[in-house]
């Protein structure tokens, strides 16, 4: 898992969903939230970034840390 920096949107609750994220110095904008699910310790977001690829971002709520858990290239 890669630790990443995430800029979050906060609506009626804090850290509602990711807006942008940075991996190894490269910034990506979230163009679509494709799915969201919960585990006892974390929230997972499947997002499509402005590069057309899909990423699964994990937010560990107890540690308030983010990781990149998966990547899938968009095949067109």
Protein backbone atom coordinates (compact mmCIF):
# COMPACT_ATOMS: atom_id res chain seq x y z
CA UNK A 1 0.00 0.00 0.00
CA UNK A 2 1.25 3.46 -0.88
CA UNK A 3 0.67 6.36 1.45
CA UNK A 4 -0.80 9.33 -0.38
CA UNK A 5 -1.98 12.87 0.27
CA UNK A 6 -5.70 13.50 -0.28
CA UNK A 7 -7.64 16.76 -0.52
CA UNK A 8 -11.14 16.04 0.75
CA UNK A 9 -14.56 17.55 0.29
CA UNK A 10 -16.38 18.13 3.55
CA UNK A 11 -20.13 18.54 3.30
CA UNK A 12 -22.46 17.80 6.18
CA UNK A 13 -19.73 15.63 7.69
CA UNK A 14 -15.92 15.95 7.60
CA UNK A 15 -13.83 14.06 5.04
CA UNK A 16 -16.92 13.15 3.05
CA UNK A 17 -15.12 12.19 -0.17
CA UNK A 18 -11.80 12.73 -1.95
CA UNK A 19 -11.50 15.57 -4.50
CA UNK A 20 -7.80 15.36 -5.40
CA UNK A 21 -4.95 13.07 -4.45
CA UNK A 22 -1.20 13.03 -4.90
CA UNK A 23 0.84 9.86 -5.48
CA UNK A 24 4.65 10.12 -5.71
CA UNK A 25 4.43 13.83 -6.45
CA UNK A 26 1.83 13.48 -9.22
CA UNK A 27 -1.55 15.13 -8.61
CA UNK A 28 -4.84 13.66 -9.81
CA UNK A 29 -8.32 15.19 -9.76
CA UNK A 30 -11.26 12.94 -8.97
CA UNK A 31 -13.62 13.16 -11.92
CA UNK A 32 -16.07 10.50 -10.67
CA UNK A 33 -16.84 8.70 -7.42
CA UNK A 34 -17.60 5.20 -8.71
CA UNK A 35 -18.26 3.48 -5.38
CA UNK A 36 -17.86 3.69 -1.63
CA UNK A 37 -17.92 1.02 1.07
CA UNK A 38 -17.07 0.65 4.74
CA UNK A 39 -15.05 -1.73 6.88
CA UNK A 40 -14.87 -1.56 10.68
CA UNK A 41 -11.77 0.66 10.56
CA UNK A 42 -11.84 2.38 7.17
CA UNK A 43 -13.81 3.85 4.31
CA UNK A 44 -12.94 2.84 0.75
CA UNK A 45 -13.52 5.01 -2.31
CA UNK A 46 -13.36 3.74 -5.89
CA UNK A 47 -12.68 6.83 -7.98
CA UNK A 48 -11.98 7.64 -11.59
CA UNK A 49 -9.28 10.27 -11.93
CA UNK A 50 -8.73 12.87 -14.63
CA UNK A 51 -6.25 10.48 -16.31
CA UNK A 52 -9.15 8.08 -17.02
CA UNK A 53 -7.86 5.37 -14.67
CA UNK A 54 -9.55 3.91 -11.59
CA UNK A 55 -8.09 4.01 -8.07
CA UNK A 56 -9.21 2.59 -4.74
CA UNK A 57 -8.40 4.99 -1.93
CA UNK A 58 -8.61 3.83 1.69
CA UNK A 59 -9.15 6.23 4.57
CA UNK A 60 -8.20 4.80 7.97
CA UNK A 61 -10.41 6.85 10.25
CA UNK A 62 -8.59 5.96 13.49
CA UNK A 63 -5.19 7.00 12.14
CA UNK A 64 -6.60 9.66 9.78
CA UNK A 65 -4.34 8.33 7.04
CA UNK A 66 -4.91 7.54 3.38
CA UNK A 67 -3.47 4.76 1.22
CA UNK A 68 -3.75 3.75 -2.41
CA UNK A 69 -5.00 0.16 -2.26
CA UNK A 70 -5.56 -0.60 -5.95
CA UNK A 71 -5.15 0.77 -9.45
CA UNK A 72 -6.78 -0.25 -12.71
CA UNK A 73 -5.95 1.26 -16.06
CA UNK A 74 -8.92 2.27 -18.18
CA UNK A 75 -8.78 0.20 -21.34
CA UNK A 76 -10.53 1.91 -24.22
